[in-house]
PDB file of N, CA and C in Angstrom:
ATOM      1  N   MET A   1     -24.376-134.088  44.802  1.00  0.00           N
ATOM      2  CA  MET A   1     -24.619-135.167  43.913  1.00  0.00           C
ATOM      3  C   MET A   1     -26.292-135.102  43.842  1.00  0.00           C
ATOM      4  N   LYS A   2     -26.950-134.536  44.579  1.00  0.00           N
ATOM      5  CA  LYS A   2     -28.451-134.131  44.842  1.00  0.00           C
ATOM      6  C   LYS A   2     -28.524-133.270  43.759  1.00  0.00           C
ATOM      7  N   THR A   3     -27.595-131.915  44.071  1.00  0.00           N
ATOM      8  CA  THR A   3     -28.109-131.037  42.937  1.00  0.00           C
ATOM      9  C   THR A   3     -28.283-131.495  41.663  1.00  0.00           C
ATOM     10  N   ILE A   4     -27.411-132.424  41.101  1.00  0.00           N
ATOM     11  CA  ILE A   4     -26.632-133.276  39.605  1.00  0.00           C
ATOM     12  C   ILE A   4     -28.190-133.507  39.256  1.00  0.00           C
ATOM     13  N   LYS A   5     -28.759-134.873  40.597  1.00  0.00           N
ATOM     14  CA  LYS A   5     -30.064-135.316  40.452  1.00  0.00           C
ATOM     15  C   LYS A   5     -31.175-134.105  40.202  1.00  0.00           C
ATOM     16  N   THR A   6     -31.604-133.386  40.791  1.00  0.00           N
ATOM     17  CA  THR A   6     -32.477-132.238  40.883  1.00  0.00           C
ATOM     18  C   THR A   6     -32.462-131.194  39.170  1.00  0.00           C
ATOM     19  N   LEU A   7     -30.993-131.263  39.119  1.00  0.00           N
ATOM     20  CA  LEU A   7     -30.920-130.477  38.063  1.00  0.00           C
ATOM     21  C   LEU A   7     -31.108-131.414  36.641  1.00  0.00           C
ATOM     22  N   SER A   8     -31.150-132.647  36.685  1.00  0.00           N
ATOM     23  CA  SER A   8     -31.328-133.993  36.154  1.00  0.00           C
ATOM     24  C   SER A   8     -32.810-133.583  35.611  1.00  0.00           C
ATOM     25  N   ALA A   9     -33.368-133.921  37.027  1.00  0.00           N
ATOM     26  CA  ALA A   9     -35.051-133.926  37.030  1.00  0.00           C
ATOM     27  C   ALA A   9     -35.611-132.880  36.269  1.00  0.00           C
ATOM     28  N   CYS A  10     -35.364-131.183  36.802  1.00  0.00           N
ATOM     29  CA  CYS A  10     -35.881-130.420  35.765  1.00  0.00           C
ATOM     30  C   CYS A  10     -35.415-130.054  34.726  1.00  0.00           C
ATOM     31  N   ALA A  11     -34.282-130.250  33.936  1.00  0.00           N
ATOM     32  CA  ALA A  11     -33.971-130.531  32.463  1.00  0.00           C
ATOM     33  C   ALA A  11     -35.171-131.846  31.645  1.00  0.00           C
ATOM     34  N   LEU A  12     -35.519-132.800  32.037  1.00  0.00           N
ATOM     35  CA  LEU A  12     -36.366-134.002  31.630  1.00  0.00           C
ATOM     36  C   LEU A  12     -37.798-133.464  31.423  1.00  0.00           C
ATOM     37  N   ILE A  13     -38.048-132.886  32.746  1.00  0.00           N
ATOM     38  CA  ILE A  13     -39.494-132.033  33.023  1.00  0.00           C
ATOM     39  C   ILE A  13     -39.502-130.666  31.658  1.00  0.00           C
ATOM     40  N   PHE A  14     -38.588-130.067  31.642  1.00  0.00           N
ATOM     41  CA  PHE A  14     -38.664-129.089  30.541  1.00  0.00           C
ATOM     42  C   PHE A  14     -38.338-129.496  29.037  1.00  0.00           C
ATOM     43  N   ALA A  15     -37.777-130.693  29.225  1.00  0.00           N
ATOM     44  CA  ALA A  15     -37.325-131.256  27.784  1.00  0.00           C
ATOM     45  C   ALA A  15     -38.753-131.830  27.534  1.00  0.00           C
ATOM     46  N   LEU A  16     -39.275-132.433  28.251  1.00  0.00           N
ATOM     47  CA  LEU A  16     -40.606-133.207  27.921  1.00  0.00           C
ATOM     48  C   LEU A  16     -41.677-132.630  27.686  1.00  0.00           C
ATOM     49  N   ALA A  17     -41.643-131.169  28.359  1.00  0.00           N
ATOM     50  CA  ALA A  17     -43.072-129.439  27.768  1.00  0.00           C
ATOM     51  C   ALA A  17     -42.608-129.559  26.879  1.00  0.00           C
ATOM     52  N   THR A  18     -41.504-129.305  26.163  1.00  0.00           N
ATOM     53  CA  THR A  18     -40.958-128.564  25.023  1.00  0.00           C
ATOM     54  C   THR A  18     -40.870-129.895  23.845  1.00  0.00           C
ATOM     55  N   LEU A  19     -41.288-131.067  23.501  1.00  0.00           N
ATOM     56  CA  LEU A  19     -41.746-132.137  23.150  1.00  0.00           C
ATOM     57  C   LEU A  19     -42.840-131.753  22.088  1.00  0.00           C
ATOM     58  N   PRO A  20     -43.110-131.859  20.660  1.00  0.00           N
ATOM     59  CA  PRO A  20     -43.910-131.681  19.733  1.00  0.00           C
ATOM     60  C   PRO A  20     -45.154-132.125  20.423  1.00  0.00           C
ATOM     61  N   GLY A  21     -46.001-131.271  19.960  1.00  0.00           N
ATOM     62  CA  GLY A  21     -47.779-132.014  20.245  1.00  0.00           C
ATOM     63  C   GLY A  21     -47.835-131.976  22.037  1.00  0.00           C
ATOM     64  N   LEU A  22     -46.828-131.786  22.986  1.00  0.00           N
ATOM     65  CA  LEU A  22     -46.695-131.095  24.287  1.00  0.00           C
ATOM     66  C   LEU A  22     -47.546-130.259  24.885  1.00  0.00           C
ATOM     67  N   ALA A  23     -47.231-128.930  24.146  1.00  0.00           N
ATOM     68  CA  ALA A  23     -47.192-127.584  24.093  1.00  0.00           C
ATOM     69  C   ALA A  23     -48.430-127.455  23.814  1.00  0.00           C
ATOM     70  N   ILE A  24     -49.288-127.260  24.858  1.00  0.00           N
ATOM     71  CA  ILE A  24     -51.023-126.714  24.534  1.00  0.00           C
ATOM     72  C   ILE A  24     -50.803-124.927  23.797  1.00  0.00           C
ATOM     73  N   GLY A  25     -51.561-124.903  22.768  1.00  0.00           N
ATOM     74  CA  GLY A  25     -51.670-123.938  22.057  1.00  0.00           C
ATOM     75  C   GLY A  25     -50.305-123.283  21.086  1.00  0.00           C
ATOM     76  N   GLN A  26     -49.489-123.809  20.866  1.00  0.00           N
ATOM     77  CA  GLN A  26     -48.348-123.944  20.431  1.00  0.00           C
ATOM     78  C   GLN A  26     -48.237-124.592  18.868  1.00  0.00           C
ATOM     79  N   ASP A  27     -48.420-123.748  17.728  1.00  0.00           N
ATOM     80  CA  ASP A  27     -47.992-124.187  16.412  1.00  0.00           C
ATOM     81  C   ASP A  27     -46.417-125.004  16.338  1.00  0.00           C
ATOM     82  N   THR A  28     -46.375-126.607  16.458  1.00  0.00           N
ATOM     83  CA  THR A  28     -44.988-127.425  16.804  1.00  0.00           C
ATOM     84  C   THR A  28     -45.267-127.959  15.272  1.00  0.00           C
ATOM     85  N   LYS A  29     -44.253-128.228  14.849  1.00  0.00           N
ATOM     86  CA  LYS A  29     -44.457-129.145  13.553  1.00  0.00           C
ATOM     87  C   LYS A  29     -43.328-130.415  14.169  1.00  0.00           C
ATOM     88  N   VAL A  30     -43.918-131.440  13.684  1.00  0.00           N
ATOM     89  CA  VAL A  30     -43.707-132.894  14.585  1.00  0.00           C
ATOM     90  C   VAL A  30     -42.718-133.123  13.366  1.00  0.00           C
ATOM     91  N   PRO A  31     -41.491-133.696  14.194  1.00  0.00           N
ATOM     92  CA  PRO A  31     -40.588-133.971  13.454  1.00  0.00           C
ATOM     93  C   PRO A  31     -40.950-135.332  12.405  1.00  0.00           C
ATOM     94  N   ARG A  32     -40.330-135.515  11.426  1.00  0.00           N
ATOM     95  CA  ARG A  32     -40.769-136.839  10.697  1.00  0.00           C
ATOM     96  C   ARG A  32     -40.908-138.281  11.102  1.00  0.00           C
ATOM     97  N   ASN A  33     -39.830-138.919  12.068  1.00  0.00           N
ATOM     98  CA  ASN A  33     -39.603-139.884  12.798  1.00  0.00           C
ATOM     99  C   ASN A  33     -39.750-139.686  13.949  1.00  0.00           C
ATOM    100  N   ASN A  34     -40.215-140.230  14.541  1.00  0.00           N
ATOM    101  CA  ASN A  34     -40.807-139.941  15.875  1.00  0.00           C
ATOM    102  C   ASN A  34     -40.213-140.989  17.123  1.00  0.00           C
ATOM    103  N   TYR A  35     -38.762-140.514  17.767  1.00  0.00           N
ATOM    104  CA  TYR A  35     -38.278-140.889  18.610  1.00  0.00           C
ATOM    105  C   TYR A  35     -38.704-141.468  20.024  1.00  0.00           C
ATOM    106  N   PRO A  36     -38.152-142.631  20.697  1.00  0.00           N
ATOM    107  CA  PRO A  36     -38.964-142.559  21.781  1.00  0.00           C
ATOM    108  C   PRO A  36     -38.621-141.497  22.702  1.00  0.00           C
ATOM    109  N   THR A  37     -39.448-141.049  23.691  1.00  0.00           N
ATOM    110  CA  THR A  37     -39.009-140.316  24.873  1.00  0.00           C
ATOM    111  C   THR A  37     -38.176-139.950  25.724  1.00  0.00           C
ATOM    112  N   ALA A  38     -37.807-140.976  25.975  1.00  0.00           N
ATOM    113  CA  ALA A  38     -36.504-141.434  26.798  1.00  0.00           C
ATOM    114  C   ALA A  38     -34.912-141.171  26.160  1.00  0.00           C
ATOM    115  N   ALA A  39     -34.947-141.466  25.025  1.00  0.00           N
ATOM    116  CA  ALA A  39     -33.688-141.056  23.319  1.00  0.00           C
ATOM    117  C   ALA A  39     -34.362-139.858  23.385  1.00  0.00           C
ATOM    118  N   ARG A  40     -35.237-138.964  23.711  1.00  0.00           N
ATOM    119  CA  ARG A  40     -35.028-137.734  22.700  1.00  0.00           C
ATOM    120  C   ARG A  40     -34.506-136.939  24.298  1.00  0.00           C
ATOM    121  N   ALA A  41     -35.312-137.344  25.651  1.00  0.00           N
ATOM    122  CA  ALA A  41     -34.625-136.753  27.185  1.00  0.00           C
ATOM    123  C   ALA A  41     -33.393-137.105  27.230  1.00  0.00           C
ATOM    124  N   ASP A  42     -32.739-138.393  26.684  1.00  0.00           N
ATOM    125  CA  ASP A  42     -31.875-138.751  27.048  1.00  0.00           C
ATOM    126  C   ASP A  42     -30.370-137.561  26.414  1.00  0.00           C
ATOM    127  N   TYR A  43     -30.901-137.471  25.119  1.00  0.00           N
ATOM    128  CA  TYR A  43     -30.580-136.279  24.566  1.00  0.00           C
ATOM    129  C   TYR A  43     -30.429-134.923  24.993  1.00  0.00           C
ATOM    130  N   VAL A  44     -31.328-134.792  25.209  1.00  0.00           N
ATOM    131  CA  VAL A  44     -31.295-133.080  25.792  1.00  0.00           C
ATOM    132  C   VAL A  44     -30.577-132.791  27.133  1.00  0.00           C
ATOM    133  N   ILE A  45     -30.483-133.581  27.999  1.00  0.00           N
ATOM    134  CA  ILE A  45     -29.801-133.702  29.411  1.00  0.00           C
ATOM    135  C   ILE A  45     -28.778-133.840  28.684  1.00  0.00           C
ATOM    136  N   GLY A  46     -28.158-135.156  27.987  1.00  0.00           N
ATOM    137  CA  GLY A  46     -26.621-135.123  27.739  1.00  0.00           C
ATOM    138  C   GLY A  46     -25.872-133.601  26.939  1.00  0.00           C
ATOM    139  N   CYS A  47     -26.780-132.533  26.316  1.00  0.00           N
ATOM    140  CA  CYS A  47     -26.747-131.768  25.548  1.00  0.00           C
ATOM    141  C   CYS A  47     -26.539-130.664  26.609  1.00  0.00           C
ATOM    142  N   MET A  48     -27.168-130.715  27.488  1.00  0.00           N
ATOM    143  CA  MET A  48     -27.306-129.770  28.517  1.00  0.00           C
ATOM    144  C   MET A  48     -25.983-129.796  29.774  1.00  0.00           C
ATOM    145  N   ALA A  49     -26.043-130.919  29.679  1.00  0.00           N
ATOM    146  CA  ALA A  49     -24.488-131.259  30.512  1.00  0.00           C
ATOM    147  C   ALA A  49     -23.372-131.007  29.714  1.00  0.00           C
ATOM    148  N   ALA A  50     -23.281-131.322  28.830  1.00  0.00           N
ATOM    149  CA  ALA A  50     -22.024-130.948  28.095  1.00  0.00           C
ATOM    150  C   ALA A  50     -21.923-129.229  28.057  1.00  0.00           C
ATOM    151  N   ASN A  51     -22.775-128.528  28.447  1.00  0.00           N
ATOM    152  CA  ASN A  51     -22.921-127.458  27.844  1.00  0.00           C
ATOM    153  C   ASN A  51     -23.161-126.543  29.222  1.00  0.00           C
ATOM    154  N   GLY A  52     -23.359-127.415  30.348  1.00  0.00           N
ATOM    155  CA  GLY A  52     -23.457-125.988  31.501  1.00  0.00           C
ATOM    156  C   GLY A  52     -24.514-126.049  32.056  1.00  0.00           C
ATOM    157  N   PHE A  53     -25.779-126.612  31.517  1.00  0.00           N
ATOM    158  CA  PHE A  53     -26.710-126.919  32.133  1.00  0.00           C
ATOM    159  C   PHE A  53     -27.531-125.181  32.240  1.00  0.00           C
ATOM    160  N   GLN A  54     -27.764-124.921  31.761  1.00  0.00           N
ATOM    161  CA  GLN A  54     -28.196-123.055  31.323  1.00  0.00           C
ATOM    162  C   GLN A  54     -29.878-123.314  31.108  1.00  0.00           C
ATOM    163  N   ARG A  55     -30.606-122.786  31.234  1.00  0.00           N
ATOM    164  CA  ARG A  55     -31.482-122.344  30.923  1.00  0.00           C
ATOM    165  C   ARG A  55     -31.967-122.121  29.368  1.00  0.00           C
ATOM    166  N   GLN A  56     -31.206-121.558  28.741  1.00  0.00           N
ATOM    167  CA  GLN A  56     -31.488-121.094  27.351  1.00  0.00           C
ATOM    168  C   GLN A  56     -31.014-122.193  26.259  1.00  0.00           C
ATOM    169  N   LEU A  57     -29.898-123.494  26.913  1.00  0.00           N
ATOM    170  CA  LEU A  57     -29.645-124.437  26.357  1.00  0.00           C
ATOM    171  C   LEU A  57     -30.959-125.194  26.363  1.00  0.00           C
ATOM    172  N   LEU A  58     -31.975-125.532  27.400  1.00  0.00           N
ATOM    173  CA  LEU A  58     -32.599-126.659  27.129  1.00  0.00           C
ATOM    174  C   LEU A  58     -33.256-126.519  25.774  1.00  0.00           C
ATOM    175  N   ASP A  59     -34.281-125.129  25.289  1.00  0.00           N
ATOM    176  CA  ASP A  59     -34.746-125.022  23.917  1.00  0.00           C
ATOM    177  C   ASP A  59     -33.537-125.203  22.745  1.00  0.00           C
ATOM    178  N   GLN A  60     -32.411-125.199  23.077  1.00  0.00           N
ATOM    179  CA  GLN A  60     -31.656-125.081  21.825  1.00  0.00           C
ATOM    180  C   GLN A  60     -31.335-127.046  21.791  1.00  0.00           C
ATOM    181  N   CYS A  61     -30.958-127.393  22.688  1.00  0.00           N
ATOM    182  CA  CYS A  61     -31.008-129.267  23.022  1.00  0.00           C
ATOM    183  C   CYS A  61     -32.524-129.807  22.217  1.00  0.00           C
ATOM    184  N   ALA A  62     -33.399-129.169  23.069  1.00  0.00           N
ATOM    185  CA  ALA A  62     -34.556-129.724  22.218  1.00  0.00           C
ATOM    186  C   ALA A  62     -34.853-129.550  20.739  1.00  0.00           C
ATOM    187  N   CYS A  63     -34.185-128.299  20.611  1.00  0.00           N
ATOM    188  CA  CYS A  63     -34.718-128.229  18.997  1.00  0.00           C
ATOM    189  C   CYS A  63     -33.588-129.371  18.302  1.00  0.00           C
ATOM    190  N   GLY A  64     -32.663-129.214  18.784  1.00  0.00           N
ATOM    191  CA  GLY A  64     -31.318-130.002  18.384  1.00  0.00           C
ATOM    192  C   GLY A  64     -31.603-131.217  17.835  1.00  0.00           C
ATOM    193  N   ILE A  65     -32.553-132.144  18.802  1.00  0.00           N
ATOM    194  CA  ILE A  65     -32.953-133.761  18.732  1.00  0.00           C
ATOM    195  C   ILE A  65     -34.218-133.652  17.695  1.00  0.00           C
ATOM    196  N   ASP A  66     -34.938-132.485  18.046  1.00  0.00           N
ATOM    197  CA  ASP A  66     -35.675-132.449  16.743  1.00  0.00           C
ATOM    198  C   ASP A  66     -35.757-132.363  15.472  1.00  0.00           C
ATOM    199  N   VAL A  67     -34.657-131.936  14.776  1.00  0.00           N
ATOM    200  CA  VAL A  67     -33.917-131.538  13.896  1.00  0.00           C
ATOM    201  C   VAL A  67     -33.064-133.048  13.454  1.00  0.00           C
ATOM    202  N   ILE A  68     -32.328-133.506  14.317  1.00  0.00           N
ATOM    203  CA  ILE A  68     -32.283-134.616  14.344  1.00  0.00           C
ATOM    204  C   ILE A  68     -32.926-135.892  13.874  1.00  0.00           C
ATOM    205  N   ALA A  69     -34.271-135.939  14.416  1.00  0.00           N
ATOM    206  CA  ALA A  69     -35.309-137.087  14.333  1.00  0.00           C
ATOM    207  C   ALA A  69     -35.747-136.595  13.182  1.00  0.00           C
ATOM    208  N   ASP A  70     -35.879-135.992  12.477  1.00  0.00           N
ATOM    209  CA  ASP A  70     -36.498-134.953  10.651  1.00  0.00           C
ATOM    210  C   ASP A  70     -35.469-135.657   9.917  1.00  0.00           C
ATOM    211  N   ARG A  71     -34.344-135.912  10.646  1.00  0.00           N
ATOM    212  CA  ARG A  71     -33.401-136.094   9.339  1.00  0.00           C
ATOM    213  C   ARG A  71     -32.788-137.560   9.331  1.00  0.00           C
ATOM    214  N   MET A  72     -32.879-138.221  10.387  1.00  0.00           N
ATOM    215  CA  MET A  72     -32.660-139.703   9.797  1.00  0.00           C
ATOM    216  C   MET A  72     -33.518-140.311  10.965  1.00  0.00           C
ATOM    217  N   SER A  73     -33.662-141.440  10.749  1.00  0.00           N
ATOM    218  CA  SER A  73     -34.639-142.594  11.423  1.00  0.00           C
ATOM    219  C   SER A  73     -33.848-143.086  12.446  1.00  0.00           C
ATOM    220  N   TYR A  74     -34.996-143.505  13.487  1.00  0.00           N
ATOM    221  CA  TYR A  74     -34.297-143.266  15.094  1.00  0.00           C
ATOM    222  C   TYR A  74     -33.601-144.916  14.863  1.00  0.00           C
ATOM    223  N   GLU A  75     -34.003-145.623  14.151  1.00  0.00           N
ATOM    224  CA  GLU A  75     -32.919-146.978  13.974  1.00  0.00           C
ATOM    225  C   GLU A  75     -31.454-146.251  13.448  1.00  0.00           C
ATOM    226  N   ASP A  76     -31.278-145.628  12.469  1.00  0.00           N
ATOM    227  CA  ASP A  76     -30.051-145.317  12.181  1.00  0.00           C
ATOM    228  C   ASP A  76     -29.625-144.229  13.447  1.00  0.00           C
ATOM    229  N   TYR A  77     -30.352-143.491  14.005  1.00  0.00           N
ATOM    230  CA  TYR A  77     -29.772-142.411  15.541  1.00  0.00           C
ATOM    231  C   TYR A  77     -28.828-143.401  15.854  1.00  0.00           C
ATOM    232  N   GLU A  78     -29.816-144.314  16.544  1.00  0.00           N
ATOM    233  CA  GLU A  78     -29.351-145.643  17.897  1.00  0.00           C
ATOM    234  C   GLU A  78     -28.287-145.998  16.988  1.00  0.00           C
ATOM    235  N   ASN A  79     -27.946-146.570  15.597  1.00  0.00           N
ATOM    236  CA  ASN A  79     -26.869-147.519  15.434  1.00  0.00           C
ATOM    237  C   ASN A  79     -25.599-146.399  15.495  1.00  0.00           C
ATOM    238  N   ALA A  80     -26.065-145.189  14.952  1.00  0.00           N
ATOM    239  CA  ALA A  80     -24.377-144.465  15.044  1.00  0.00           C
ATOM    240  C   ALA A  80     -24.502-143.934  16.500  1.00  0.00           C
ATOM    241  N   GLU A  81     -25.380-143.886  17.811  1.00  0.00           N
ATOM    242  CA  GLU A  81     -25.225-143.409  19.019  1.00  0.00           C
ATOM    243  C   GLU A  81     -24.226-145.084  19.677  1.00  0.00           C
ATOM    244  N   THR A  82     -24.601-146.105  18.988  1.00  0.00           N
ATOM    245  CA  THR A  82     -23.969-147.555  19.479  1.00  0.00           C
ATOM    246  C   THR A  82     -22.679-147.624  18.796  1.00  0.00           C
ATOM    247  N   ILE A  83     -22.391-147.117  17.667  1.00  0.00           N
ATOM    248  CA  ILE A  83     -21.215-147.259  17.193  1.00  0.00           C
ATOM    249  C   ILE A  83     -20.390-146.194  18.056  1.00  0.00           C
ATOM    250  N   LEU A  84     -20.819-144.807  18.271  1.00  0.00           N
ATOM    251  CA  LEU A  84     -20.059-143.762  18.932  1.00  0.00           C
ATOM    252  C   LEU A  84     -19.475-144.368  20.385  1.00  0.00           C
ATOM    253  N   SER A  85     -20.509-144.858  20.894  1.00  0.00           N
ATOM    254  CA  SER A  85     -20.283-145.696  22.070  1.00  0.00           C
ATOM    255  C   SER A  85     -19.016-146.640  22.440  1.00  0.00           C
ATOM    256  N   MET A  86     -19.348-147.513  21.170  1.00  0.00           N
ATOM    257  CA  MET A  86     -18.271-148.586  21.431  1.00  0.00           C
ATOM    258  C   MET A  86     -16.681-148.320  20.802  1.00  0.00           C
ATOM    259  N   GLN A  87     -17.033-146.782  20.120  1.00  0.00           N
ATOM    260  CA  GLN A  87     -15.608-146.276  19.913  1.00  0.00           C
ATOM    261  C   GLN A  87     -14.933-145.834  20.995  1.00  0.00           C
ATOM    262  N   GLN A  88     -15.786-145.218  21.931  1.00  0.00           N
ATOM    263  CA  GLN A  88     -14.864-145.103  23.188  1.00  0.00           C
ATOM    264  C   GLN A  88     -14.689-146.203  24.277  1.00  0.00           C
ATOM    265  N   ALA A  89     -15.318-147.225  24.046  1.00  0.00           N
ATOM    266  CA  ALA A  89     -15.245-148.147  25.171  1.00  0.00           C
ATOM    267  C   ALA A  89     -14.054-149.026  24.089  1.00  0.00           C
ATOM    268  N   GLY A  90     -14.404-149.366  23.016  1.00  0.00           N
ATOM    269  CA  GLY A  90     -13.674-150.735  22.387  1.00  0.00           C
ATOM    270  C   GLY A  90     -12.106-150.423  22.050  1.00  0.00           C
ATOM    271  N   VAL A  91     -11.615-151.180  22.208  1.00  0.00           N
ATOM    272  CA  VAL A  91      -9.914-151.291  21.996  1.00  0.00           C
ATOM    273  C   VAL A  91      -9.755-152.728  21.322  1.00  0.00           C
ATOM    274  N   GLY A  92      -8.779-152.128  20.671  1.00  0.00           N
ATOM    275  CA  GLY A  92      -8.495-153.551  19.878  1.00  0.00           C
ATOM    276  C   GLY A  92      -8.799-153.952  19.266  1.00  0.00           C
ATOM    277  N   PRO A  93      -8.953-155.448  18.309  1.00  0.00           N
ATOM    278  CA  PRO A  93      -9.613-155.755  17.453  1.00  0.00           C
ATOM    279  C   PRO A  93     -10.617-155.400  17.264  1.00  0.00           C
ATOM    280  N   ARG A  94     -11.587-155.488  17.831  1.00  0.00           N
ATOM    281  CA  ARG A  94     -13.135-155.554  18.048  1.00  0.00           C
ATOM    282  C   ARG A  94     -13.703-153.553  17.904  1.00  0.00           C
ATOM    283  N   GLY A  95     -12.882-153.111  18.479  1.00  0.00           N
ATOM    284  CA  GLY A  95     -12.962-151.645  18.351  1.00  0.00           C
ATOM    285  C   GLY A  95     -12.423-151.294  16.893  1.00  0.00           C
ATOM    286  N   GLY A  96     -12.125-151.814  16.623  1.00  0.00           N
ATOM    287  CA  GLY A  96     -11.881-151.742  15.196  1.00  0.00           C
ATOM    288  C   GLY A  96     -12.768-151.808  14.196  1.00  0.00           C
ATOM    289  N   LEU A  97     -13.933-152.639  14.542  1.00  0.00           N
ATOM    290  CA  LEU A  97     -14.748-152.772  13.747  1.00  0.00           C
ATOM    291  C   LEU A  97     -16.068-151.996  13.982  1.00  0.00           C
ATOM    292  N   PHE A  98     -15.873-150.695  15.044  1.00  0.00           N
ATOM    293  CA  PHE A  98     -16.732-149.606  14.919  1.00  0.00           C
ATOM    294  C   PHE A  98     -15.687-148.710  14.633  1.00  0.00           C
ATOM    295  N   ARG A  99     -14.254-148.369  14.427  1.00  0.00           N
ATOM    296  CA  ARG A  99     -13.983-147.107  13.693  1.00  0.00           C
ATOM    297  C   ARG A  99     -13.443-147.911  11.895  1.00  0.00           C
ATOM    298  N   ASP A 100     -12.939-148.504  11.751  1.00  0.00           N
ATOM    299  CA  ASP A 100     -12.761-148.565  10.126  1.00  0.00           C
ATOM    300  C   ASP A 100     -13.744-149.402   9.428  1.00  0.00           C
ATOM    301  N   THR A 101     -14.946-149.676   9.714  1.00  0.00           N
ATOM    302  CA  THR A 101     -15.672-149.977   8.496  1.00  0.00           C
ATOM    303  C   THR A 101     -16.315-149.005   7.677  1.00  0.00           C
ATOM    304  N   PRO A 102     -16.423-149.081   6.334  1.00  0.00           N
ATOM    305  CA  PRO A 102     -17.284-147.974   5.725  1.00  0.00           C
ATOM    306  C   PRO A 102     -19.250-147.837   6.241  1.00  0.00           C
ATOM    307  N   VAL A 103     -19.470-149.011   7.552  1.00  0.00           N
ATOM    308  CA  VAL A 103     -20.760-148.998   7.455  1.00  0.00           C
ATOM    309  C   VAL A 103     -20.552-147.776   8.821  1.00  0.00           C
ATOM    310  N   ALA A 104     -19.507-148.101   9.687  1.00  0.00           N
ATOM    311  CA  ALA A 104     -19.742-147.182  10.793  1.00  0.00           C
ATOM    312  C   ALA A 104     -19.083-145.830  10.259  1.00  0.00           C
ATOM    313  N   ARG A 105     -18.129-145.673   9.239  1.00  0.00           N
ATOM    314  CA  ARG A 105     -18.731-144.287   8.343  1.00  0.00           C
ATOM    315  C   ARG A 105     -19.375-143.370   8.054  1.00  0.00           C
ATOM    316  N   GLN A 106     -20.117-144.683   7.391  1.00  0.00           N
ATOM    317  CA  GLN A 106     -21.486-143.942   7.119  1.00  0.00           C
ATOM    318  C   GLN A 106     -22.221-143.662   8.049  1.00  0.00           C
ATOM    319  N   SER A 107     -22.342-143.918   8.967  1.00  0.00           N
ATOM    320  CA  SER A 107     -23.521-144.113   9.882  1.00  0.00           C
ATOM    321  C   SER A 107     -23.247-142.390  11.144  1.00  0.00           C
ATOM    322  N   LEU A 108     -21.660-142.406  11.154  1.00  0.00           N
ATOM    323  CA  LEU A 108     -21.606-141.573  11.467  1.00  0.00           C
ATOM    324  C   LEU A 108     -21.648-140.204  11.039  1.00  0.00           C
ATOM    325  N   GLU A 109     -21.143-140.361  10.227  1.00  0.00           N
ATOM    326  CA  GLU A 109     -21.098-139.298   8.940  1.00  0.00           C
ATOM    327  C   GLU A 109     -22.520-138.459   9.071  1.00  0.00           C
ATOM    328  N   LYS A 110     -23.722-139.475   8.710  1.00  0.00           N
ATOM    329  CA  LYS A 110     -25.090-139.306   8.625  1.00  0.00           C
ATOM    330  C   LYS A 110     -25.649-138.466  10.251  1.00  0.00           C
ATOM    331  N   LEU A 111     -25.244-139.300  11.261  1.00  0.00           N
ATOM    332  CA  LEU A 111     -25.405-137.955  12.191  1.00  0.00           C
ATOM    333  C   LEU A 111     -25.247-136.910  12.796  1.00  0.00           C
ATOM    334  N   ARG A 112     -23.463-136.756  12.094  1.00  0.00           N
ATOM    335  CA  ARG A 112     -22.615-135.860  12.039  1.00  0.00           C
ATOM    336  C   ARG A 112     -23.643-134.614  11.568  1.00  0.00           C
ATOM    337  N   ARG A 113     -23.598-135.018   9.955  1.00  0.00           N
ATOM    338  CA  ARG A 113     -24.295-133.766   9.494  1.00  0.00           C
ATOM    339  C   ARG A 113     -26.098-133.342   9.670  1.00  0.00           C
ATOM    340  N   ALA A 114     -26.160-134.225  10.869  1.00  0.00           N
ATOM    341  CA  ALA A 114     -27.840-134.040  11.372  1.00  0.00           C
ATOM    342  C   ALA A 114     -27.150-132.981  12.781  1.00  0.00           C
ATOM    343  N   GLN A 115     -26.836-133.421  13.082  1.00  0.00           N
ATOM    344  CA  GLN A 115     -25.783-132.490  14.132  1.00  0.00           C
ATOM    345  C   GLN A 115     -25.499-131.278  13.656  1.00  0.00           C
ATOM    346  N   ALA A 116     -25.178-130.965  12.511  1.00  0.00           N
ATOM    347  CA  ALA A 116     -24.651-129.402  11.993  1.00  0.00           C
ATOM    348  C   ALA A 116     -25.659-129.017  11.527  1.00  0.00           C
ATOM    349  N   GLU A 117     -26.948-129.739  10.980  1.00  0.00           N
ATOM    350  CA  GLU A 117     -27.783-129.028  10.727  1.00  0.00           C
ATOM    351  C   GLU A 117     -28.522-128.417  12.058  1.00  0.00           C
ATOM    352  N   ALA A 118     -28.821-129.367  12.644  1.00  0.00           N
ATOM    353  CA  ALA A 118     -29.381-128.914  14.376  1.00  0.00           C
ATOM    354  C   ALA A 118     -28.597-127.866  14.771  1.00  0.00           C
ATOM    355  N   ASN A 119     -27.526-127.583  14.831  1.00  0.00           N
ATOM    356  CA  ASN A 119     -26.638-126.664  15.295  1.00  0.00           C
ATOM    357  C   ASN A 119     -26.884-124.722  14.642  1.00  0.00           C
ATOM    358  N   LEU A 120     -27.384-125.130  12.932  1.00  0.00           N
ATOM    359  CA  LEU A 120     -27.412-123.966  12.585  1.00  0.00           C
ATOM    360  C   LEU A 120     -28.691-123.843  12.922  1.00  0.00           C
ATOM    361  N   ARG A 121     -29.724-124.448  12.936  1.00  0.00           N
ATOM    362  CA  ARG A 121     -30.791-124.128  12.943  1.00  0.00           C
ATOM    363  C   ARG A 121     -31.208-123.603  14.126  1.00  0.00           C
ATOM    364  N   CYS A 122     -30.648-124.120  15.437  1.00  0.00           N
ATOM    365  CA  CYS A 122     -30.842-124.466  16.254  1.00  0.00           C
ATOM    366  C   CYS A 122     -29.729-123.157  17.264  1.00  0.00           C
ATOM    367  N   GLY A 123     -28.619-122.743  16.913  1.00  0.00           N
ATOM    368  CA  GLY A 123     -28.281-121.711  17.256  1.00  0.00           C
ATOM    369  C   GLY A 123     -27.540-122.163  18.530  1.00  0.00           C
ATOM    370  N   ASN A 124     -27.181-123.627  18.160  1.00  0.00           N
ATOM    371  CA  ASN A 124     -26.061-124.364  19.184  1.00  0.00           C
ATOM    372  C   ASN A 124     -24.947-124.070  19.577  1.00  0.00           C
TER     373      ASN A 124
END
């Protein structure tokens, strides 16, 4: 458990250091939409956890959230993430609201397109 916390803390520190505008002397492109730092860190940590916490993933995952932030507003991203979360937890009639509606499908499609672009541009 201590190792996981240490890895998570290290990933967070590295993720924050790679965010646009924080790197000194680097020419970085700031994404069109500014996501909260916690959302960016959560994405990077989740991305790294899903792929084995390898150092090379830090740059790829940080790049991924930058691409997503460039392609969709934070509000749209947050909506899509909420729908995904509710789909995983929601069973029964209420769960259908997050699976079977045009709004849910459109929201998830927008996120999937942004993630596909991130995969192409960042080498994920």
